[in-house]
Protein backbone atom coordinates (compact mmCIF):
# COMPACT_ATOMS: atom_id res chain seq x y z
CA MET A 1 102.35 120.63 102.18
CA LYS A 2 105.17 119.61 99.83
CA ARG A 3 104.49 119.63 96.10
CA VAL A 4 105.30 115.94 95.77
CA GLU A 5 102.42 115.13 98.35
CA LEU A 6 99.98 117.35 96.37
CA LEU A 7 100.95 115.38 93.27
CA PHE A 8 100.35 112.13 94.93
CA THR A 9 97.01 113.47 96.29
CA LEU A 10 95.96 114.49 92.71
CA LEU A 11 97.08 111.12 91.39
CA LEU A 12 94.50 109.33 93.59
CA ILE A 13 91.71 110.56 91.19
CA PRO A 14 92.83 108.83 88.10
CA PHE A 15 94.00 105.70 90.10
CA ASP A 16 90.49 105.50 91.63
CA PHE A 17 88.87 105.97 88.26
CA LEU A 18 90.84 103.06 86.81
CA ALA A 19 90.42 101.03 89.86
CA LEU A 20 86.66 101.36 89.66
CA LEU A 21 86.55 100.95 85.87
CA ALA A 22 88.53 97.68 86.46
CA ALA A 23 86.13 96.56 89.01
CA GLY A 24 83.00 97.12 86.88
CA ILE A 25 84.65 95.40 83.82
CA GLY A 26 85.91 92.55 86.09
CA ALA A 27 82.49 92.03 87.48
CA PHE A 28 80.91 92.00 84.03
CA TYR A 29 83.17 89.42 82.63
CA LEU A 30 83.05 87.43 85.89
CA ARG A 31 79.17 87.00 85.32
CA TYR A 32 79.88 85.54 81.92
CA HIS A 33 82.39 83.05 83.18
CA PRO A 34 81.35 79.44 82.42
CA TYR A 35 81.25 78.48 86.08
CA PHE A 36 78.87 81.06 87.04
CA VAL A 37 76.73 80.53 83.85
CA SER A 38 76.55 77.03 84.62
CA VAL A 39 75.14 77.79 88.08
CA ARG A 40 72.84 80.38 86.99
CA PRO A 41 72.42 81.00 83.21
CA VAL A 42 72.43 84.51 81.79
CA ILE A 43 68.82 85.46 80.79
CA PHE A 44 69.53 89.08 79.82
CA ASP A 45 71.11 90.80 76.87
CA LEU A 46 73.95 93.13 77.78
CA SER A 47 76.63 94.21 75.56
CA ILE A 48 79.96 95.58 77.13
CA ASP A 49 79.56 98.85 75.06
CA LYS A 50 76.11 99.43 76.60
CA TYR A 51 77.46 98.39 79.92
CA LEU A 52 80.29 100.82 79.79
CA SER A 53 78.19 103.65 78.86
CA THR A 54 76.13 103.00 81.97
CA ILE A 55 78.88 102.42 84.57
CA ILE A 56 81.28 105.46 83.56
CA PRO A 57 78.66 108.17 84.79
CA ILE A 58 78.22 105.96 87.89
CA ILE A 59 82.11 105.97 88.35
CA LEU A 60 82.10 109.77 88.39
CA VAL A 61 79.40 109.94 90.91
CA TRP A 62 81.32 107.58 93.12
CA LEU A 63 84.50 109.82 92.68
CA LEU A 64 82.32 112.62 93.95
CA LEU A 65 81.23 110.50 96.94
CA PHE A 66 84.78 109.62 97.54
CA ALA A 67 85.70 113.33 97.92
CA PHE A 68 82.82 113.83 100.39
CA ALA A 69 84.28 110.79 102.42
CA GLY A 70 87.54 112.55 102.72
CA LEU A 71 89.50 110.11 100.51
CA TYR A 72 91.13 113.00 98.75
CA SER A 73 92.20 114.85 101.82
CA THR A 74 95.67 116.45 101.84
CA ARG A 75 96.07 115.52 105.56
CA ARG A 76 98.27 112.46 106.50
CA GLN A 77 96.23 109.55 107.82
CA ALA A 78 96.90 106.11 108.81
CA ILE A 79 96.67 103.37 106.04
CA SER A 80 94.21 101.48 108.13
CA THR A 81 91.92 104.56 108.47
CA GLU A 82 92.29 105.15 104.77
CA LEU A 83 91.38 101.58 103.80
CA THR A 84 88.31 101.88 106.20
CA LYS A 85 87.05 104.91 104.41
CA VAL A 86 87.50 103.28 101.16
CA ALA A 87 85.37 100.30 102.30
CA LEU A 88 82.64 102.63 103.79
CA ALA A 89 82.78 105.04 100.81
CA CYS A 90 82.45 102.03 98.35
CA SER A 91 79.53 100.71 100.37
CA ALA A 92 77.74 103.93 100.57
CA SER A 93 78.05 104.40 96.80
CA MET A 94 77.03 100.96 95.97
CA ALA A 95 74.04 101.34 98.24
CA VAL A 96 72.77 103.99 95.86
CA VAL A 97 73.04 101.38 93.02
CA PHE A 98 71.39 98.83 95.12
CA ALA A 99 68.50 101.18 95.81
CA ILE A 100 67.99 101.88 92.07
CA LEU A 101 68.23 98.16 91.17
CA PHE A 102 65.65 97.38 93.82
CA PHE A 103 63.06 99.99 92.50
CA SER A 104 63.84 99.69 88.86
CA ARG A 105 65.74 97.61 86.24
CA VAL A 106 66.55 100.41 83.96
CA LEU A 107 70.35 99.86 84.34
CA PHE A 108 70.58 96.23 83.92
CA GLU A 109 69.07 93.18 85.40
CA SER A 110 72.21 91.42 86.95
CA ARG A 111 72.44 91.85 90.75
CA PHE A 112 75.46 89.56 90.59
CA ILE A 113 77.37 92.18 88.69
CA ALA A 114 76.38 94.77 91.12
CA VAL A 115 77.61 92.64 94.23
CA ALA A 116 80.80 91.65 92.44
CA ALA A 117 81.53 95.17 91.37
CA TRP A 118 81.01 96.31 94.93
CA LEU A 119 83.62 93.84 96.39
CA LEU A 120 86.03 94.34 93.50
CA ALA A 121 85.77 98.07 93.96
CA ILE A 122 86.80 97.91 97.59
CA PHE A 123 89.74 95.55 96.57
CA PHE A 124 91.02 97.50 93.64
CA VAL A 125 90.74 100.99 95.21
CA GLY A 126 92.34 99.73 98.43
CA LEU A 127 95.24 98.06 96.26
CA GLY A 128 95.58 101.33 94.45
CA ARG A 129 95.98 103.16 97.67
CA LEU A 130 98.71 100.67 98.91
CA VAL A 131 100.59 101.14 95.61
CA ILE A 132 100.57 104.88 96.04
CA ARG A 133 101.80 104.59 99.55
CA ALA A 134 104.59 102.06 98.36
CA LEU A 135 105.72 104.56 95.82
CA GLN A 136 105.69 107.39 98.15
CA ARG A 137 107.90 105.39 100.63
CA SER A 138 110.16 104.46 97.84
CA LEU A 139 110.79 108.07 96.98
CA LEU A 140 111.40 108.93 100.72
CA LYS A 141 114.48 106.74 100.62
CA PHE A 142 115.99 109.12 98.13
CA GLY A 143 114.78 112.14 100.17
CA ILE A 144 111.95 113.14 97.66
CA GLY A 145 109.04 114.30 99.81
CA THR A 146 110.89 114.40 103.19
CA HIS A 147 109.94 117.01 105.69
CA ARG A 148 113.10 118.71 106.90
CA VAL A 149 112.40 119.52 110.63
CA VAL A 150 113.89 121.68 113.11
CA ILE A 151 113.02 120.91 116.76
CA ILE A 152 113.00 123.38 119.47
CA GLY A 153 113.23 122.13 123.04
CA GLN A 154 115.39 119.86 125.12
CA THR A 155 112.83 117.73 126.83
CA ARG A 156 111.87 114.07 126.99
CA SER A 157 109.21 114.79 124.10
CA SER A 158 111.80 116.29 121.81
CA LEU A 159 114.21 113.33 122.35
CA ALA A 160 111.37 110.92 121.79
CA LEU A 161 110.34 112.64 118.40
CA ILE A 162 113.99 112.70 117.27
CA ASP A 163 114.46 108.98 118.05
CA PHE A 164 111.20 108.18 116.29
CA PHE A 165 111.82 110.16 113.05
CA ARG A 166 115.28 108.53 112.75
CA ALA A 167 114.09 105.04 113.31
CA LYS A 168 110.74 105.53 111.20
CA ARG A 169 112.03 107.26 108.21
CA ARG A 170 108.82 105.96 106.27
CA PHE A 171 106.97 108.77 108.10
CA GLY A 172 108.93 111.25 106.08
CA PHE A 173 110.54 113.37 108.67
CA GLU A 174 114.21 114.21 108.88
CA VAL A 175 115.57 116.27 111.88
CA VAL A 176 118.14 118.76 110.57
CA GLU A 177 118.68 120.69 113.64
CA GLN A 178 117.69 120.92 117.33
CA PHE A 179 117.65 123.98 119.62
CA PRO A 180 117.30 123.80 123.35
CA ALA A 181 115.21 127.01 123.33
CA PHE A 182 114.08 129.63 120.71
CA ASP A 183 116.27 132.66 121.05
CA ASP A 184 117.94 135.13 118.77
CA GLU A 185 120.78 132.69 117.88
CA ALA A 186 118.30 129.98 117.04
CA ALA A 187 116.26 132.30 114.79
CA LYS A 188 119.55 133.37 112.99
CA LYS A 189 120.52 129.74 112.32
CA ILE A 190 117.05 128.86 111.17
CA LYS A 191 116.89 131.81 108.70
CA THR A 192 120.28 130.49 107.20
CA LEU A 193 118.79 127.18 106.92
CA LYS A 194 115.83 128.56 105.12
CA ARG A 195 117.95 130.51 102.71
CA ARG A 196 119.71 127.18 101.73
CA GLY A 197 116.48 125.42 101.37
CA LYS A 198 117.11 122.95 104.12
CA ILE A 199 114.08 123.45 106.40
CA ASP A 200 110.47 122.78 105.84
CA GLU A 201 108.89 123.21 109.26
CA ILE A 202 109.54 123.76 112.92
CA ILE A 203 108.26 121.57 115.79
CA LEU A 204 108.19 123.33 119.30
CA ALA A 205 108.50 120.19 121.53
CA ASP A 206 108.50 121.99 124.91
CA PRO A 207 105.11 121.61 126.47
CA ASN A 208 106.24 123.99 129.25
CA ALA A 209 107.44 126.83 127.02
CA ASN A 210 105.75 130.10 128.18
CA GLN A 211 103.15 132.02 126.09
CA GLN A 212 105.56 134.73 125.21
CA THR A 213 107.99 132.19 123.54
CA ARG A 214 105.01 130.48 121.66
CA ILE A 215 103.71 133.71 120.33
CA LYS A 216 107.23 134.91 119.27
CA LEU A 217 107.99 131.53 117.48
CA LEU A 218 104.61 131.58 115.67
CA ALA A 219 104.99 135.11 114.53
CA PHE A 220 108.58 134.06 113.24
CA THR A 221 107.32 131.10 111.26
CA GLU A 222 104.49 133.13 109.69
CA THR A 223 107.16 135.90 108.62
CA GLU A 224 109.52 133.20 107.30
CA GLN A 225 106.84 131.13 105.75
CA ILE A 226 107.74 128.02 107.63
CA HIS A 227 105.19 125.35 108.74
CA PHE A 228 104.62 125.32 112.61
CA LYS A 229 103.77 122.53 114.91
CA TYR A 230 103.85 121.99 118.60
CA THR A 231 103.40 119.25 121.15
CA ALA A 232 100.47 119.62 123.48
CA ASP A 233 100.83 119.74 127.22
CA LEU A 234 98.82 117.76 129.44
CA PHE A 235 96.14 120.65 129.99
CA ALA A 236 95.94 121.00 126.09
CA ALA A 237 95.34 117.21 125.83
CA ALA A 238 92.78 117.33 128.66
CA VAL A 239 90.61 119.82 126.93
CA GLY A 240 89.96 117.44 124.03
CA ARG A 241 87.42 117.86 121.31
CA SER A 242 85.10 120.82 121.49
CA ILE A 243 81.58 121.65 120.16
CA ILE A 244 80.54 125.29 119.54
CA HIS A 245 77.04 126.32 120.43
CA THR A 246 75.51 129.67 119.84
CA PHE A 247 73.00 131.23 122.34
CA ALA A 248 71.72 134.73 121.92
CA GLY A 249 74.56 135.21 119.30
CA VAL A 250 77.23 134.30 121.96
CA PRO A 251 79.50 131.33 120.89
CA VAL A 252 79.67 128.89 123.81
CA ILE A 253 82.21 126.03 123.52
CA GLU A 254 81.38 122.67 125.14
CA VAL A 255 84.34 120.49 126.05
CA GLN A 256 83.57 116.97 124.75
CA LYS A 257 85.18 114.68 127.09
CA THR A 258 85.05 111.49 124.91
CA PRO A 259 83.25 109.94 121.95
CA LEU A 260 82.43 107.10 124.30
CA ASP A 261 79.10 108.58 125.07
CA GLY A 262 75.63 107.70 123.98
CA TRP A 263 75.78 104.93 121.26
CA GLY A 264 79.60 104.74 121.67
CA ALA A 265 79.09 103.59 125.32
CA ILE A 266 76.31 101.10 124.29
CA TYR A 267 78.43 99.63 121.52
CA LYS A 268 81.66 99.24 123.74
CA ARG A 269 79.59 97.52 126.44
CA ILE A 270 77.96 95.00 124.08
CA PHE A 271 81.45 94.28 122.66
CA ASP A 272 83.05 93.85 126.08
CA LEU A 273 80.21 91.60 127.07
CA LEU A 274 80.57 89.23 124.13
CA VAL A 275 84.36 89.16 123.68
CA SER A 276 84.80 88.72 127.41
CA LEU A 277 82.65 85.91 127.62
CA ILE A 278 84.31 84.15 124.52
CA LEU A 279 87.76 84.80 126.04
CA ILE A 280 86.59 83.31 129.51
CA VAL A 281 85.48 80.10 127.67
CA LEU A 282 88.74 79.95 125.63
CA THR A 283 91.07 80.38 128.49
CA ALA A 284 89.29 78.05 130.83
CA PRO A 285 91.87 75.35 130.43
CA ILE A 286 94.76 77.81 131.13
CA GLN A 287 92.98 79.02 134.16
CA PHE A 288 92.55 75.44 135.44
CA ALA A 289 96.36 74.91 134.87
CA ILE A 290 97.20 78.22 136.60
CA ILE A 291 95.08 77.37 139.68
CA ILE A 292 96.77 73.81 140.20
CA ALA A 293 100.33 75.46 139.76
CA LEU A 294 99.55 78.19 142.17
CA PHE A 295 98.04 75.88 144.74
CA ILE A 296 101.01 73.45 144.48
CA GLU A 297 103.58 76.15 144.89
CA GLN A 298 101.69 77.93 147.86
CA PRO A 299 98.49 76.29 149.16
CA GLY A 300 95.77 78.71 149.98
CA ARG A 301 94.03 81.40 147.97
CA VAL A 302 94.83 81.45 144.22
CA LEU A 303 93.43 84.79 143.59
CA PHE A 304 94.75 88.16 144.91
CA SER A 305 91.58 89.64 146.14
CA LEU A 306 92.16 90.47 149.86
CA LEU A 307 94.61 92.56 151.70
CA PRO A 308 96.56 91.39 154.87
CA ASP A 309 94.00 92.96 157.05
CA HIS A 310 91.25 90.87 155.09
CA LYS A 311 89.77 93.99 153.47
CA LYS A 312 88.91 93.56 149.75
CA VAL A 313 91.37 94.65 147.24
CA THR A 314 90.15 97.68 145.39
CA ARG A 315 90.99 99.84 142.32
CA VAL A 316 89.75 103.11 141.08
CA GLY A 317 87.24 102.77 138.30
CA GLN A 318 85.12 105.04 136.15
CA GLY A 319 84.31 108.30 137.78
CA GLY A 320 86.77 107.60 140.73
CA ARG A 321 84.51 105.10 142.23
CA LEU A 322 86.13 102.07 143.83
CA PHE A 323 85.55 98.50 142.77
CA HIS A 324 86.58 95.08 144.10
CA TYR A 325 89.54 93.89 142.09
CA PHE A 326 91.10 90.55 141.81
CA LYS A 327 93.69 88.63 139.60
CA PHE A 328 95.71 85.41 139.93
CA ARG A 329 98.16 85.62 142.85
CA SER A 330 101.73 86.19 141.83
CA MET A 331 103.43 87.47 145.13
CA VAL A 332 104.25 85.99 148.56
CA LYS A 333 101.98 86.45 151.40
CA ASP A 334 101.53 89.94 152.90
CA ALA A 335 103.44 91.42 149.86
CA HIS A 336 101.14 94.56 149.91
CA LYS A 337 102.68 95.51 153.23
CA MET A 338 106.17 95.68 151.89
CA ARG A 339 105.49 98.63 149.55
CA PHE A 340 105.08 100.74 152.59
CA ASP A 341 108.20 99.54 154.40
CA PRO A 342 110.91 102.44 154.10
CA GLU A 343 113.65 99.94 154.49
CA PHE A 344 112.34 97.72 151.83
CA VAL A 345 111.83 100.58 149.22
CA LYS A 346 115.21 101.91 150.06
CA LYS A 347 116.90 98.44 149.41
CA TYR A 348 115.17 97.65 146.14
CA GLY A 349 114.30 101.16 144.83
CA ASN A 350 110.96 102.41 143.31
CA LEU A 351 111.42 102.92 139.45
CA ARG A 352 108.44 105.29 139.53
CA GLU A 353 109.65 107.42 142.33
CA GLY A 354 108.35 110.95 142.11
CA THR A 355 105.09 109.69 140.44
CA PRO A 356 101.92 108.24 141.93
CA LEU A 357 103.02 104.74 141.00
CA PHE A 358 105.14 102.14 142.69
CA LYS A 359 107.18 99.68 140.47
CA LEU A 360 110.14 97.34 141.10
CA LYS A 361 112.15 96.04 138.26
CA ASP A 362 113.33 92.83 140.05
CA ASP A 363 110.44 92.56 142.55
CA PRO A 364 111.65 90.05 145.30
CA ARG A 365 107.88 89.68 146.32
CA VAL A 366 106.97 87.73 143.23
CA THR A 367 106.99 83.94 143.43
CA GLN A 368 108.34 81.56 140.73
CA VAL A 369 105.05 80.72 139.29
CA GLY A 370 103.98 84.50 139.54
CA ARG A 371 107.20 85.46 137.63
CA PHE A 372 106.12 83.35 134.71
CA LEU A 373 102.43 84.47 134.89
CA ARG A 374 103.67 88.11 134.91
CA LYS A 375 105.95 87.31 132.03
CA TYR A 376 103.12 86.65 129.55
CA SER A 377 100.41 88.70 131.68
CA LEU A 378 98.59 85.48 132.55
CA ASP A 379 97.99 86.72 136.09
CA GLU A 380 95.48 89.18 134.50
CA ILE A 381 93.19 86.61 133.03
CA PRO A 382 90.57 86.81 135.97
CA GLU A 383 90.16 90.49 134.69
CA PHE A 384 87.86 88.98 131.99
CA TYR A 385 85.50 88.22 134.67
CA LEU A 386 85.61 92.02 135.70
CA VAL A 387 84.95 93.03 132.12
CA PHE A 388 82.03 90.64 131.87
CA MET A 389 80.60 92.13 135.20
CA GLY A 390 80.93 95.66 133.97
CA ARG A 391 83.51 96.73 136.41
CA MET A 392 86.26 97.02 133.67
CA SER A 393 86.61 97.17 129.85
CA LEU A 394 88.83 95.23 127.54
CA VAL A 395 90.38 98.50 126.45
CA GLY A 396 91.15 101.53 128.58
CA PRO A 397 93.56 102.98 131.10
CA ARG A 398 94.89 100.65 133.53
CA PRO A 399 93.30 100.60 137.06
CA HIS A 400 95.40 102.13 139.69
CA LEU A 401 95.30 101.94 143.51
CA PRO A 402 93.46 104.40 145.56
CA GLU A 403 96.53 105.74 147.23
CA GLU A 404 98.07 106.18 143.67
CA VAL A 405 95.02 108.06 142.31
CA ALA A 406 95.06 110.35 145.42
CA GLN A 407 98.37 111.71 144.06
CA TYR A 408 97.21 112.45 140.53
CA ARG A 409 97.43 116.06 139.51
CA PRO A 410 93.98 117.49 138.42
CA GLU A 411 94.47 117.16 134.72
CA GLN A 412 95.69 113.50 135.12
CA LYS A 413 92.31 112.55 136.65
CA LYS A 414 90.85 112.64 133.13
CA VAL A 415 91.91 108.99 132.81
CA LEU A 416 88.91 108.26 135.21
CA THR A 417 86.48 109.37 132.67
CA ILE A 418 85.90 105.81 131.35
CA LYS A 419 86.16 102.43 132.69
CA PRO A 420 89.73 101.06 133.23
CA GLY A 421 90.90 98.47 130.78
CA ILE A 422 92.79 95.19 130.73
CA THR A 423 94.90 96.76 127.86
CA GLY A 424 95.35 100.17 126.40
CA MET A 425 97.46 102.63 124.43
CA ALA A 426 100.12 102.79 126.93
CA GLN A 427 100.34 98.88 127.19
CA ILE A 428 101.04 98.59 123.55
CA SER A 429 103.38 101.58 123.40
CA GLY A 430 106.07 100.62 125.90
CA ARG A 431 104.22 99.28 129.00
CA ALA A 432 106.43 99.71 132.00
CA ASP A 433 109.09 101.53 129.99
CA LEU A 434 106.96 104.68 129.88
CA ASP A 435 107.09 107.43 132.51
CA PHE A 436 103.85 108.17 134.20
CA ASP A 437 103.16 111.49 132.29
CA GLU A 438 103.50 109.72 128.98
CA GLU A 439 101.11 106.91 130.03
CA VAL A 440 98.51 109.54 131.01
CA ARG A 441 99.14 111.36 127.63
CA LEU A 442 98.53 108.25 125.81
CA ASP A 443 95.38 107.32 127.74
CA ILE A 444 93.93 110.72 127.29
CA HIS A 445 94.50 110.41 123.64
CA TYR A 446 92.64 107.11 123.67
CA ILE A 447 89.74 108.61 125.73
CA GLU A 448 89.44 111.71 123.11
CA HIS A 449 89.78 109.69 119.98
CA TRP A 450 88.15 106.42 120.84
CA SER A 451 86.55 104.41 117.86
CA PRO A 452 85.77 100.65 117.41
CA TRP A 453 88.56 100.38 115.02
CA LEU A 454 91.12 101.79 117.64
CA ASP A 455 89.82 99.22 120.11
CA LEU A 456 90.26 96.42 117.64
CA TYR A 457 93.84 97.61 116.65
CA ILE A 458 94.88 97.80 120.37
CA LEU A 459 93.45 94.28 121.03
CA LEU A 460 95.12 92.68 118.09
CA LYS A 461 98.51 94.35 119.07
CA THR A 462 98.41 93.58 122.53
CA PRO A 463 99.24 89.66 122.16
CA LEU A 464 102.47 90.58 120.04
CA VAL A 465 103.57 93.05 122.66
CA VAL A 466 102.96 90.46 125.51
CA LEU A 467 104.81 87.62 123.52
CA PHE A 468 107.83 89.64 122.80
CA ARG A 469 107.50 91.11 126.43
CA LYS A 470 108.23 94.77 125.37
CA GLY A 471 108.37 96.81 128.43
CA ALA A 472 107.27 94.16 130.86
CA TYR A 473 108.72 93.65 134.35
C-alpha cells in the first residue's frame, strides 16, 4: 500500500472525531433552537461544558466501534459500501446510548439530542468520507498516490483492464508497461523499472497461464518486493467463498456457493414478491398499450409462450429445472425455427458463434413493434409475473434456452445455482456487447457476493442502461 493511502487512512480518525463532535454540538444547540423550544419546552438544566464532558468519552467509544466495523480498513472499498458501514456503525453505536437512556438518566434527559446526534453523526461522518475521497482523487490528477502497474498477458482480460484503467483514472491505476508473457526479457525490463521507481505492482492478466509461470512470477515479485495480483479464471471464480471446519484435528474446507442461502433466500423472495407486485400495477397501462399495438400489427397471440409445434416455451431455471417462460411477442410467426436453418444462420451470421448462445445484430425476424419493445426492453415486462410466481427473480443471471445450457462447460453451470433474473451484473455491464465468458464471470461474481445493497444497485442502474441502450441489439 502506498504511503499516501496510509496517510489518508490515518486522517480518517481525526476527521471522524471532529465529525462526531460537530454532530454532538449541533444536536445540543438544535435542541435549544426557538422553534423546538416552542414545540417542547426545555425542562432540564444542561450546560455545554457538562454536555461536552459527557459526549467526548462517548465519541472515543464510537471510534473504537468504527474500527471494529471496518471503517479504518486499508483495503479499497466502494464508496457505497463505506457509507453503508458508516450508517450501520453510527446506528449500532447510538443503540448503546439509547439503551443507557432507556434504563437510566445519568447522562442527560433529552432523547431529542440523542436522536438528532445520531442522524447528524451519519451525515457528518459520511460527508467527511466524501471529502477525503475527493481530496484523494484530486491528488491522483497530479500522479500522487497512483499505482503504477505492469500487466502480464495478451488476453481479452488484459486489454479490458488497460482500457478501464486509462478511462477511469479516478481508481488510481496507471499502466506503465505490458508484456505478452513473463519471461527473462520481461523480468529484466521490470527490474529496470523497479530501479527507476516506476513500478508498484504487477497484474497477471492471463487466466490460462500455467502453474509454473505463476509460481515463477510470484517468486519474482517477492524477491523484488513488488505487489502481485492476478485475474481469476472461471474455475477460481466458481470455487467462491470457503468455510473452514475442523474435525478430528483435520481442516475441512466447505465451498460456500452463495450467500443467497437461509435468511438471504427468504429476504430475496419477500423482496421479489413485493417489488414485482408494485411493478405489475405501475406498468399496467403500458402493458395494455403494448397488447393493443401488437394485436393491430399482427392479430393473434400477444405473448411469446408457445413454440411452432405448440409446445410451451421453456427456459432453464434454478438447479437446471425447466419452467414455462413467456414475454411479449417481438418476432414474426415461426421465428424460432429460423435459428436452426443453416442457410438463414449463414446469411445473417451468429454474433455468439462458438458459444452456447445465438444472437443476431440486425435480426430480420423482429417486427416493427417488436423492435421498439426490444429497444427499451419493454418485451420483458411479463417477466414481472414470472417473478411474482417464483419462477424468476428481479436480479440474477439471464434465463437461457435448454439447448444453450446443454452446451455449457461444467464450471459455467454455476449460474444455475440461483433463480434467473430480469436483470443482473451482465445486463448493467455491457449487455449484448459482452462475450459469453465475461457474462458468466459477472454472474458468478454476483452469486458469490450477493447482498441486498448489490440488488438495489443493479435495479437502480438498469433503467439508465436501458434508456441509453448500452449494448442492446
